[in-house]
């Protein structure tokens, strides 16, 4: 998994994707999304590192089965929160 932390107007945004998705274009019948290296790739992380990063983030953007599963295991989301873009699970989490 790859993650990158962004800081925008005082909010910590965590972007993570599964390794095999980095650089890919995901398409659905409605739209397409590019999993850009510049947005998701600061460094490769373990599940434990990702969990720690998620605890500190104000907003989280996840693409891929592995990343989404970590969020489920940690109780950040449940399965009904997942949307599918093509065959790829995606979740956005916001803390208010």
PDB file of N, CA and C in Angstrom:
ATOM      1  N   UNK A   1       0.841  -1.167   0.000  1.00  0.00           N
ATOM      2  CA  UNK A   1       0.000   0.000   0.000  1.00  0.00           C
ATOM      3  C   UNK A   1       0.887   1.231   0.000  1.00  0.00           C
ATOM      4  N   UNK A   2       0.389   2.271  -0.662  1.00  0.00           N
ATOM      5  CA  UNK A   2       1.100   3.541  -0.704  1.00  0.00           C
ATOM      6  C   UNK A   2       0.234   4.621  -0.079  1.00  0.00           C
ATOM      7  N   UNK A   3       0.852   5.503   0.686  1.00  0.00           N
ATOM      8  CA  UNK A   3       0.137   6.590   1.334  1.00  0.00           C
ATOM      9  C   UNK A   3       0.911   7.889   1.210  1.00  0.00           C
ATOM     10  N   UNK A   4       0.137   8.968   1.199  1.00  0.00           N
ATOM     11  CA  UNK A   4       0.718  10.300   1.214  1.00  0.00           C
ATOM     12  C   UNK A   4      -0.166  11.189   2.071  1.00  0.00           C
ATOM     13  N   UNK A   5       0.472  12.029   2.869  1.00  0.00           N
ATOM     14  CA  UNK A   5      -0.243  12.976   3.714  1.00  0.00           C
ATOM     15  C   UNK A   5      -0.186  14.350   3.059  1.00  0.00           C
ATOM     16  N   UNK A   6      -1.350  14.973   2.977  1.00  0.00           N
ATOM     17  CA  UNK A   6      -1.465  16.332   2.448  1.00  0.00           C
ATOM     18  C   UNK A   6      -1.979  17.222   3.570  1.00  0.00           C
ATOM     19  N   UNK A   7      -1.537  18.456   3.585  1.00  0.00           N
ATOM     20  CA  UNK A   7      -2.021  19.433   4.561  1.00  0.00           C
ATOM     21  C   UNK A   7      -2.669  20.577   3.792  1.00  0.00           C
ATOM     22  N   UNK A   8      -3.969  20.742   3.981  1.00  0.00           N
ATOM     23  CA  UNK A   8      -4.695  21.789   3.275  1.00  0.00           C
ATOM     24  C   UNK A   8      -5.555  22.556   4.288  1.00  0.00           C
ATOM     25  N   UNK A   9      -5.271  23.848   4.418  1.00  0.00           N
ATOM     26  CA  UNK A   9      -6.015  24.729   5.328  1.00  0.00           C
ATOM     27  C   UNK A   9      -6.182  24.135   6.716  1.00  0.00           C
ATOM     28  N   UNK A  10      -5.115  23.599   7.271  1.00  0.00           N
ATOM     29  CA  UNK A  10      -5.139  23.067   8.618  1.00  0.00           C
ATOM     30  C   UNK A  10      -5.732  21.677   8.757  1.00  0.00           C
ATOM     31  N   UNK A  11      -6.099  21.057   7.654  1.00  0.00           N
ATOM     32  CA  UNK A  11      -6.676  19.708   7.698  1.00  0.00           C
ATOM     33  C   UNK A  11      -5.654  18.717   7.151  1.00  0.00           C
ATOM     34  N   UNK A  12      -5.490  17.622   7.866  1.00  0.00           N
ATOM     35  CA  UNK A  12      -4.612  16.552   7.411  1.00  0.00           C
ATOM     36  C   UNK A  12      -5.427  15.587   6.558  1.00  0.00           C
ATOM     37  N   UNK A  13      -5.013  15.435   5.312  1.00  0.00           N
ATOM     38  CA  UNK A  13      -5.694  14.530   4.383  1.00  0.00           C
ATOM     39  C   UNK A  13      -4.768  13.359   4.089  1.00  0.00           C
ATOM     40  N   UNK A  14      -5.249  12.162   4.335  1.00  0.00           N
ATOM     41  CA  UNK A  14      -4.486  10.950   4.074  1.00  0.00           C
ATOM     42  C   UNK A  14      -5.017  10.293   2.809  1.00  0.00           C
ATOM     43  N   UNK A  15      -4.159  10.079   1.838  1.00  0.00           N
ATOM     44  CA  UNK A  15      -4.525   9.408   0.589  1.00  0.00           C
ATOM     45  C   UNK A  15      -3.755   8.091   0.515  1.00  0.00           C
ATOM     46  N   UNK A  16      -4.470   6.981   0.375  1.00  0.00           N
ATOM     47  CA  UNK A  16      -3.832   5.665   0.309  1.00  0.00           C
ATOM     48  C   UNK A  16      -4.449   4.833  -0.812  1.00  0.00           C
ATOM     49  N   UNK A  17      -3.595   4.034  -1.449  1.00  0.00           N
ATOM     50  CA  UNK A  17      -4.083   3.112  -2.472  1.00  0.00           C
ATOM     51  C   UNK A  17      -3.291   1.814  -2.404  1.00  0.00           C
ATOM     52  N   UNK A  18      -3.897   0.762  -2.911  1.00  0.00           N
ATOM     53  CA  UNK A  18      -3.191  -0.508  -3.012  1.00  0.00           C
ATOM     54  C   UNK A  18      -2.079  -0.372  -4.048  1.00  0.00           C
ATOM     55  N   UNK A  19      -1.012  -1.086  -3.837  1.00  0.00           N
ATOM     56  CA  UNK A  19       0.181  -0.982  -4.679  1.00  0.00           C
ATOM     57  C   UNK A  19      -0.112  -1.163  -6.161  1.00  0.00           C
ATOM     58  N   UNK A  20      -0.925  -2.148  -6.507  1.00  0.00           N
ATOM     59  CA  UNK A  20      -1.170  -2.450  -7.917  1.00  0.00           C
ATOM     60  C   UNK A  20      -2.020  -1.389  -8.620  1.00  0.00           C
ATOM     61  N   UNK A  21      -2.646  -0.489  -7.858  1.00  0.00           N
ATOM     62  CA  UNK A  21      -3.481   0.554  -8.452  1.00  0.00           C
ATOM     63  C   UNK A  21      -2.716   1.832  -8.783  1.00  0.00           C
ATOM     64  N   UNK A  22      -1.555   1.996  -8.196  1.00  0.00           N
ATOM     65  CA  UNK A  22      -0.796   3.227  -8.388  1.00  0.00           C
ATOM     66  C   UNK A  22      -0.507   3.456  -9.868  1.00  0.00           C
ATOM     67  N   UNK A  23      -0.918   4.607 -10.378  1.00  0.00           N
ATOM     68  CA  UNK A  23      -0.718   4.948 -11.783  1.00  0.00           C
ATOM     69  C   UNK A  23      -1.798   4.442 -12.723  1.00  0.00           C
ATOM     70  N   UNK A  24      -2.774   3.717 -12.207  1.00  0.00           N
ATOM     71  CA  UNK A  24      -3.832   3.148 -13.043  1.00  0.00           C
ATOM     72  C   UNK A  24      -4.983   4.134 -13.239  1.00  0.00           C
ATOM     73  N   UNK A  25      -5.741   3.911 -14.267  1.00  0.00           N
ATOM     74  CA  UNK A  25      -6.976   4.654 -14.519  1.00  0.00           C
ATOM     75  C   UNK A  25      -8.126   3.684 -14.304  1.00  0.00           C
ATOM     76  N   UNK A  26      -9.028   4.032 -13.405  1.00  0.00           N
ATOM     77  CA  UNK A  26     -10.165   3.182 -13.073  1.00  0.00           C
ATOM     78  C   UNK A  26     -11.397   3.777 -13.726  1.00  0.00           C
ATOM     79  N   UNK A  27     -12.152   2.940 -14.418  1.00  0.00           N
ATOM     80  CA  UNK A  27     -13.314   3.444 -15.140  1.00  0.00           C
ATOM     81  C   UNK A  27     -14.582   2.729 -14.715  1.00  0.00           C
ATOM     82  N   UNK A  28     -15.642   3.519 -14.635  1.00  0.00           N
ATOM     83  CA  UNK A  28     -16.981   2.971 -14.418  1.00  0.00           C
ATOM     84  C   UNK A  28     -17.857   3.493 -15.547  1.00  0.00           C
ATOM     85  N   UNK A  29     -19.108   3.135 -15.532  1.00  0.00           N
ATOM     86  CA  UNK A  29     -20.008   3.627 -16.574  1.00  0.00           C
ATOM     87  C   UNK A  29     -20.265   5.122 -16.433  1.00  0.00           C
ATOM     88  N   UNK A  30     -20.044   5.669 -15.251  1.00  0.00           N
ATOM     89  CA  UNK A  30     -20.337   7.074 -14.984  1.00  0.00           C
ATOM     90  C   UNK A  30     -19.134   8.001 -15.131  1.00  0.00           C
ATOM     91  N   UNK A  31     -17.937   7.542 -14.750  1.00  0.00           N
ATOM     92  CA  UNK A  31     -16.758   8.395 -14.795  1.00  0.00           C
ATOM     93  C   UNK A  31     -15.495   7.561 -14.659  1.00  0.00           C
ATOM     94  N   UNK A  32     -14.358   8.237 -14.746  1.00  0.00           N
ATOM     95  CA  UNK A  32     -13.083   7.551 -14.543  1.00  0.00           C
ATOM     96  C   UNK A  32     -12.244   8.343 -13.541  1.00  0.00           C
ATOM     97  N   UNK A  33     -11.342   7.626 -12.875  1.00  0.00           N
ATOM     98  CA  UNK A  33     -10.469   8.207 -11.862  1.00  0.00           C
ATOM     99  C   UNK A  33      -9.052   7.732 -12.112  1.00  0.00           C
ATOM    100  N   UNK A  34      -8.102   8.637 -12.076  1.00  0.00           N
ATOM    101  CA  UNK A  34      -6.691   8.264 -12.171  1.00  0.00           C
ATOM    102  C   UNK A  34      -6.104   8.202 -10.769  1.00  0.00           C
ATOM    103  N   UNK A  35      -5.435   7.118 -10.475  1.00  0.00           N
ATOM    104  CA  UNK A  35      -4.762   6.958  -9.188  1.00  0.00           C
ATOM    105  C   UNK A  35      -3.349   7.515  -9.368  1.00  0.00           C
ATOM    106  N   UNK A  36      -3.249   8.823  -9.203  1.00  0.00           N
ATOM    107  CA  UNK A  36      -2.016   9.534  -9.535  1.00  0.00           C
ATOM    108  C   UNK A  36      -0.925   9.336  -8.495  1.00  0.00           C
ATOM    109  N   UNK A  37       0.253   9.078  -8.998  1.00  0.00           N
ATOM    110  CA  UNK A  37       1.438   8.930  -8.169  1.00  0.00           C
ATOM    111  C   UNK A  37       1.634  10.170  -7.287  1.00  0.00           C
ATOM    112  N   UNK A  38       1.399  11.349  -7.847  1.00  0.00           N
ATOM    113  CA  UNK A  38       1.627  12.596  -7.112  1.00  0.00           C
ATOM    114  C   UNK A  38       0.676  12.766  -5.928  1.00  0.00           C
ATOM    115  N   UNK A  39      -0.488  12.122  -5.968  1.00  0.00           N
ATOM    116  CA  UNK A  39      -1.453  12.260  -4.875  1.00  0.00           C
ATOM    117  C   UNK A  39      -1.344  11.136  -3.849  1.00  0.00           C
ATOM    118  N   UNK A  40      -1.004   9.932  -4.284  1.00  0.00           N
ATOM    119  CA  UNK A  40      -1.028   8.765  -3.397  1.00  0.00           C
ATOM    120  C   UNK A  40       0.346   8.247  -2.963  1.00  0.00           C
ATOM    121  N   UNK A  41       1.395   8.621  -3.640  1.00  0.00           N
ATOM    122  CA  UNK A  41       2.679   7.969  -3.391  1.00  0.00           C
ATOM    123  C   UNK A  41       3.700   8.872  -2.717  1.00  0.00           C
ATOM    124  N   UNK A  42       3.688   8.834  -1.395  1.00  0.00           N
ATOM    125  CA  UNK A  42       4.780   9.425  -0.632  1.00  0.00           C
ATOM    126  C   UNK A  42       5.725   8.307  -0.212  1.00  0.00           C
ATOM    127  N   UNK A  43       5.101   7.184   0.220  1.00  0.00           N
ATOM    128  CA  UNK A  43       5.905   6.019   0.601  1.00  0.00           C
ATOM    129  C   UNK A  43       5.026   4.785   0.748  1.00  0.00           C
ATOM    130  N   UNK A  44       5.665   3.634   0.639  1.00  0.00           N
ATOM    131  CA  UNK A  44       4.983   2.372   0.889  1.00  0.00           C
ATOM    132  C   UNK A  44       4.840   2.212   2.404  1.00  0.00           C
ATOM    133  N   UNK A  45       3.697   1.686   2.828  1.00  0.00           N
ATOM    134  CA  UNK A  45       3.441   1.525   4.259  1.00  0.00           C
ATOM    135  C   UNK A  45       2.894   0.130   4.545  1.00  0.00           C
ATOM    136  N   UNK A  46       3.064  -0.285   5.793  1.00  0.00           N
ATOM    137  CA  UNK A  46       2.459  -1.525   6.277  1.00  0.00           C
ATOM    138  C   UNK A  46       1.048  -1.201   6.771  1.00  0.00           C
ATOM    139  N   UNK A  47       0.277  -2.225   7.047  1.00  0.00           N
ATOM    140  CA  UNK A  47      -1.064  -2.035   7.607  1.00  0.00           C
ATOM    141  C   UNK A  47      -0.997  -1.279   8.927  1.00  0.00           C
ATOM    142  N   UNK A  48      -0.035  -1.623   9.762  1.00  0.00           N
ATOM    143  CA  UNK A  48       0.103  -0.961  11.060  1.00  0.00           C
ATOM    144  C   UNK A  48       0.438   0.515  10.904  1.00  0.00           C
ATOM    145  N   UNK A  49       1.310   0.845   9.968  1.00  0.00           N
ATOM    146  CA  UNK A  49       1.638   2.255   9.723  1.00  0.00           C
ATOM    147  C   UNK A  49       0.419   3.010   9.209  1.00  0.00           C
ATOM    148  N   UNK A  50      -0.334   2.383   8.334  1.00  0.00           N
ATOM    149  CA  UNK A  50      -1.524   3.017   7.791  1.00  0.00           C
ATOM    150  C   UNK A  50      -2.557   3.269   8.888  1.00  0.00           C
ATOM    151  N   UNK A  51      -2.725   2.325   9.791  1.00  0.00           N
ATOM    152  CA  UNK A  51      -3.663   2.494  10.901  1.00  0.00           C
ATOM    153  C   UNK A  51      -3.299   3.721  11.732  1.00  0.00           C
ATOM    154  N   UNK A  52      -2.038   3.886  12.034  1.00  0.00           N
ATOM    155  CA  UNK A  52      -1.576   5.041  12.810  1.00  0.00           C
ATOM    156  C   UNK A  52      -1.826   6.340  12.063  1.00  0.00           C
ATOM    157  N   UNK A  53      -1.561   6.344  10.771  1.00  0.00           N
ATOM    158  CA  UNK A  53      -1.792   7.539   9.959  1.00  0.00           C
ATOM    159  C   UNK A  53      -3.283   7.881   9.903  1.00  0.00           C
ATOM    160  N   UNK A  54      -4.136   6.877   9.859  1.00  0.00           N
ATOM    161  CA  UNK A  54      -5.580   7.095   9.806  1.00  0.00           C
ATOM    162  C   UNK A  54      -6.084   7.750  11.084  1.00  0.00           C
ATOM    163  N   UNK A  55      -5.520   7.384  12.211  1.00  0.00           N
ATOM    164  CA  UNK A  55      -5.954   7.948  13.494  1.00  0.00           C
ATOM    165  C   UNK A  55      -5.723   9.453  13.558  1.00  0.00           C
ATOM    166  N   UNK A  56      -4.709   9.936  12.859  1.00  0.00           N
ATOM    167  CA  UNK A  56      -4.341  11.349  12.914  1.00  0.00           C
ATOM    168  C   UNK A  56      -4.947  12.194  11.801  1.00  0.00           C
ATOM    169  N   UNK A  57      -5.638  11.588  10.857  1.00  0.00           N
ATOM    170  CA  UNK A  57      -6.129  12.307   9.678  1.00  0.00           C
ATOM    171  C   UNK A  57      -7.529  12.895   9.903  1.00  0.00           C
ATOM    172  N   UNK A  58      -7.751  14.065   9.325  1.00  0.00           N
ATOM    173  CA  UNK A  58      -9.074  14.677   9.354  1.00  0.00           C
ATOM    174  C   UNK A  58      -9.934  14.207   8.197  1.00  0.00           C
ATOM    175  N   UNK A  59      -9.289  13.789   7.124  1.00  0.00           N
ATOM    176  CA  UNK A  59      -9.969  13.290   5.935  1.00  0.00           C
ATOM    177  C   UNK A  59      -9.128  12.147   5.370  1.00  0.00           C
ATOM    178  N   UNK A  60      -9.801  11.105   4.897  1.00  0.00           N
ATOM    179  CA  UNK A  60      -9.099   9.924   4.389  1.00  0.00           C
ATOM    180  C   UNK A  60      -9.701   9.525   3.046  1.00  0.00           C
ATOM    181  N   UNK A  61      -8.829   9.253   2.081  1.00  0.00           N
ATOM    182  CA  UNK A  61      -9.231   8.851   0.734  1.00  0.00           C
ATOM    183  C   UNK A  61      -8.553   7.515   0.446  1.00  0.00           C
ATOM    184  N   UNK A  62      -9.342   6.469   0.232  1.00  0.00           N
ATOM    185  CA  UNK A  62      -8.801   5.118   0.054  1.00  0.00           C
ATOM    186  C   UNK A  62      -9.274   4.487  -1.238  1.00  0.00           C
ATOM    187  N   UNK A  63      -8.337   3.833  -1.933  1.00  0.00           N
ATOM    188  CA  UNK A  63      -8.653   3.043  -3.117  1.00  0.00           C
ATOM    189  C   UNK A  63      -8.023   1.671  -2.978  1.00  0.00           C
ATOM    190  N   UNK A  64      -8.813   0.628  -3.187  1.00  0.00           N
ATOM    191  CA  UNK A  64      -8.289  -0.730  -3.221  1.00  0.00           C
ATOM    192  C   UNK A  64      -8.752  -1.592  -2.065  1.00  0.00           C
ATOM    193  N   UNK A  65      -8.774  -2.885  -2.311  1.00  0.00           N
ATOM    194  CA  UNK A  65      -9.266  -3.849  -1.328  1.00  0.00           C
ATOM    195  C   UNK A  65      -8.460  -3.848  -0.038  1.00  0.00           C
ATOM    196  N   UNK A  66      -7.140  -3.801  -0.142  1.00  0.00           N
ATOM    197  CA  UNK A  66      -6.303  -3.864   1.059  1.00  0.00           C
ATOM    198  C   UNK A  66      -6.489  -2.634   1.933  1.00  0.00           C
ATOM    199  N   UNK A  67      -6.457  -1.457   1.325  1.00  0.00           N
ATOM    200  CA  UNK A  67      -6.627  -0.213   2.084  1.00  0.00           C
ATOM    201  C   UNK A  67      -7.992  -0.149   2.758  1.00  0.00           C
ATOM    202  N   UNK A  68      -9.025  -0.487   2.014  1.00  0.00           N
ATOM    203  CA  UNK A  68     -10.379  -0.435   2.549  1.00  0.00           C
ATOM    204  C   UNK A  68     -10.536  -1.446   3.679  1.00  0.00           C
ATOM    205  N   UNK A  69      -9.934  -2.608   3.548  1.00  0.00           N
ATOM    206  CA  UNK A  69     -10.021  -3.628   4.600  1.00  0.00           C
ATOM    207  C   UNK A  69      -9.376  -3.139   5.898  1.00  0.00           C
ATOM    208  N   UNK A  70      -8.276  -2.409   5.812  1.00  0.00           N
ATOM    209  CA  UNK A  70      -7.635  -1.846   7.004  1.00  0.00           C
ATOM    210  C   UNK A  70      -8.607  -0.894   7.707  1.00  0.00           C
ATOM    211  N   UNK A  71      -9.299  -0.060   6.954  1.00  0.00           N
ATOM    212  CA  UNK A  71     -10.263   0.879   7.538  1.00  0.00           C
ATOM    213  C   UNK A  71     -11.417   0.139   8.221  1.00  0.00           C
ATOM    214  N   UNK A  72     -11.850  -0.965   7.638  1.00  0.00           N
ATOM    215  CA  UNK A  72     -12.909  -1.776   8.250  1.00  0.00           C
ATOM    216  C   UNK A  72     -12.411  -2.401   9.536  1.00  0.00           C
ATOM    217  N   UNK A  73     -11.232  -3.000   9.503  1.00  0.00           N
ATOM    218  CA  UNK A  73     -10.658  -3.644  10.689  1.00  0.00           C
ATOM    219  C   UNK A  73     -10.516  -2.673  11.855  1.00  0.00           C
ATOM    220  N   UNK A  74     -10.194  -1.438  11.564  1.00  0.00           N
ATOM    221  CA  UNK A  74      -9.993  -0.427  12.604  1.00  0.00           C
ATOM    222  C   UNK A  74     -11.286   0.260  13.031  1.00  0.00           C
ATOM    223  N   UNK A  75     -12.399  -0.081  12.400  1.00  0.00           N
ATOM    224  CA  UNK A  75     -13.682   0.476  12.784  1.00  0.00           C
ATOM    225  C   UNK A  75     -13.954   1.874  12.247  1.00  0.00           C
ATOM    226  N   UNK A  76     -13.182   2.319  11.256  1.00  0.00           N
ATOM    227  CA  UNK A  76     -13.419   3.630  10.664  1.00  0.00           C
ATOM    228  C   UNK A  76     -14.657   3.630   9.769  1.00  0.00           C
ATOM    229  N   UNK A  77     -14.943   2.485   9.155  1.00  0.00           N
ATOM    230  CA  UNK A  77     -16.096   2.363   8.262  1.00  0.00           C
ATOM    231  C   UNK A  77     -16.694   0.970   8.403  1.00  0.00           C
ATOM    232  N   UNK A  78     -17.883   0.801   7.832  1.00  0.00           N
ATOM    233  CA  UNK A  78     -18.432  -0.543   7.682  1.00  0.00           C
ATOM    234  C   UNK A  78     -18.593  -0.803   6.186  1.00  0.00           C
ATOM    235  N   UNK A  79     -18.914  -1.990   5.836  1.00  0.00           N
ATOM    236  CA  UNK A  79     -18.958  -2.374   4.419  1.00  0.00           C
ATOM    237  C   UNK A  79     -19.973  -1.561   3.600  1.00  0.00           C
ATOM    238  N   UNK A  80     -21.013  -1.071   4.240  1.00  0.00           N
ATOM    239  CA  UNK A  80     -22.014  -0.291   3.506  1.00  0.00           C
ATOM    240  C   UNK A  80     -21.484   1.086   3.092  1.00  0.00           C
ATOM    241  N   UNK A  81     -20.338   1.494   3.627  1.00  0.00           N
ATOM    242  CA  UNK A  81     -19.725   2.780   3.277  1.00  0.00           C
ATOM    243  C   UNK A  81     -18.929   2.720   1.977  1.00  0.00           C
ATOM    244  N   UNK A  82     -18.685   1.536   1.474  1.00  0.00           N
ATOM    245  CA  UNK A  82     -17.830   1.347   0.301  1.00  0.00           C
ATOM    246  C   UNK A  82     -18.615   1.602  -0.976  1.00  0.00           C
ATOM    247  N   UNK A  83     -18.010   2.369  -1.895  1.00  0.00           N
ATOM    248  CA  UNK A  83     -18.570   2.462  -3.237  1.00  0.00           C
ATOM    249  C   UNK A  83     -17.597   1.748  -4.175  1.00  0.00           C
ATOM    250  N   UNK A  84     -18.124   1.265  -5.264  1.00  0.00           N
ATOM    251  CA  UNK A  84     -17.281   0.598  -6.240  1.00  0.00           C
ATOM    252  C   UNK A  84     -17.141   1.505  -7.460  1.00  0.00           C
ATOM    253  N   UNK A  85     -15.921   1.710  -7.878  1.00  0.00           N
ATOM    254  CA  UNK A  85     -15.645   2.399  -9.128  1.00  0.00           C
ATOM    255  C   UNK A  85     -15.045   1.339 -10.032  1.00  0.00           C
ATOM    256  N   UNK A  86     -15.820   0.932 -11.014  1.00  0.00           N
ATOM    257  CA  UNK A  86     -15.459  -0.262 -11.760  1.00  0.00           C
ATOM    258  C   UNK A  86     -15.494  -1.424 -10.784  1.00  0.00           C
ATOM    259  N   UNK A  87     -14.387  -2.124 -10.674  1.00  0.00           N
ATOM    260  CA  UNK A  87     -14.303  -3.242  -9.725  1.00  0.00           C
ATOM    261  C   UNK A  87     -13.442  -2.904  -8.516  1.00  0.00           C
ATOM    262  N   UNK A  88     -13.158  -1.607  -8.314  1.00  0.00           N
ATOM    263  CA  UNK A  88     -12.246  -1.178  -7.251  1.00  0.00           C
ATOM    264  C   UNK A  88     -13.029  -0.509  -6.121  1.00  0.00           C
ATOM    265  N   UNK A  89     -12.866  -1.011  -4.876  1.00  0.00           N
ATOM    266  CA  UNK A  89     -13.529  -0.366  -3.742  1.00  0.00           C
ATOM    267  C   UNK A  89     -12.885   0.985  -3.424  1.00  0.00           C
ATOM    268  N   UNK A  90     -13.748   1.948  -3.065  1.00  0.00           N
ATOM    269  CA  UNK A  90     -13.293   3.300  -2.750  1.00  0.00           C
ATOM    270  C   UNK A  90     -14.073   3.823  -1.552  1.00  0.00           C
ATOM    271  N   UNK A  91     -13.367   4.546  -0.698  1.00  0.00           N
ATOM    272  CA  UNK A  91     -14.004   5.141   0.481  1.00  0.00           C
ATOM    273  C   UNK A  91     -13.399   6.506   0.730  1.00  0.00           C
ATOM    274  N   UNK A  92     -14.250   7.443   1.121  1.00  0.00           N
ATOM    275  CA  UNK A  92     -13.785   8.741   1.614  1.00  0.00           C
ATOM    276  C   UNK A  92     -14.366   8.903   3.008  1.00  0.00           C
ATOM    277  N   UNK A  93     -13.504   9.291   3.941  1.00  0.00           N
ATOM    278  CA  UNK A  93     -13.907   9.450   5.334  1.00  0.00           C
ATOM    279  C   UNK A  93     -13.622  10.895   5.719  1.00  0.00           C
ATOM    280  N   UNK A  94     -14.617  11.532   6.344  1.00  0.00           N
ATOM    281  CA  UNK A  94     -14.463  12.905   6.813  1.00  0.00           C
ATOM    282  C   UNK A  94     -14.784  12.963   8.297  1.00  0.00           C
ATOM    283  N   UNK A  95     -13.960  13.654   9.019  1.00  0.00           N
ATOM    284  CA  UNK A  95     -14.239  13.894  10.441  1.00  0.00           C
ATOM    285  C   UNK A  95     -14.742  15.322  10.583  1.00  0.00           C
ATOM    286  N   UNK A  96     -15.848  15.465  11.290  1.00  0.00           N
ATOM    287  CA  UNK A  96     -16.395  16.810  11.493  1.00  0.00           C
ATOM    288  C   UNK A  96     -16.507  17.114  12.962  1.00  0.00           C
TER     289      UNK A  96
END
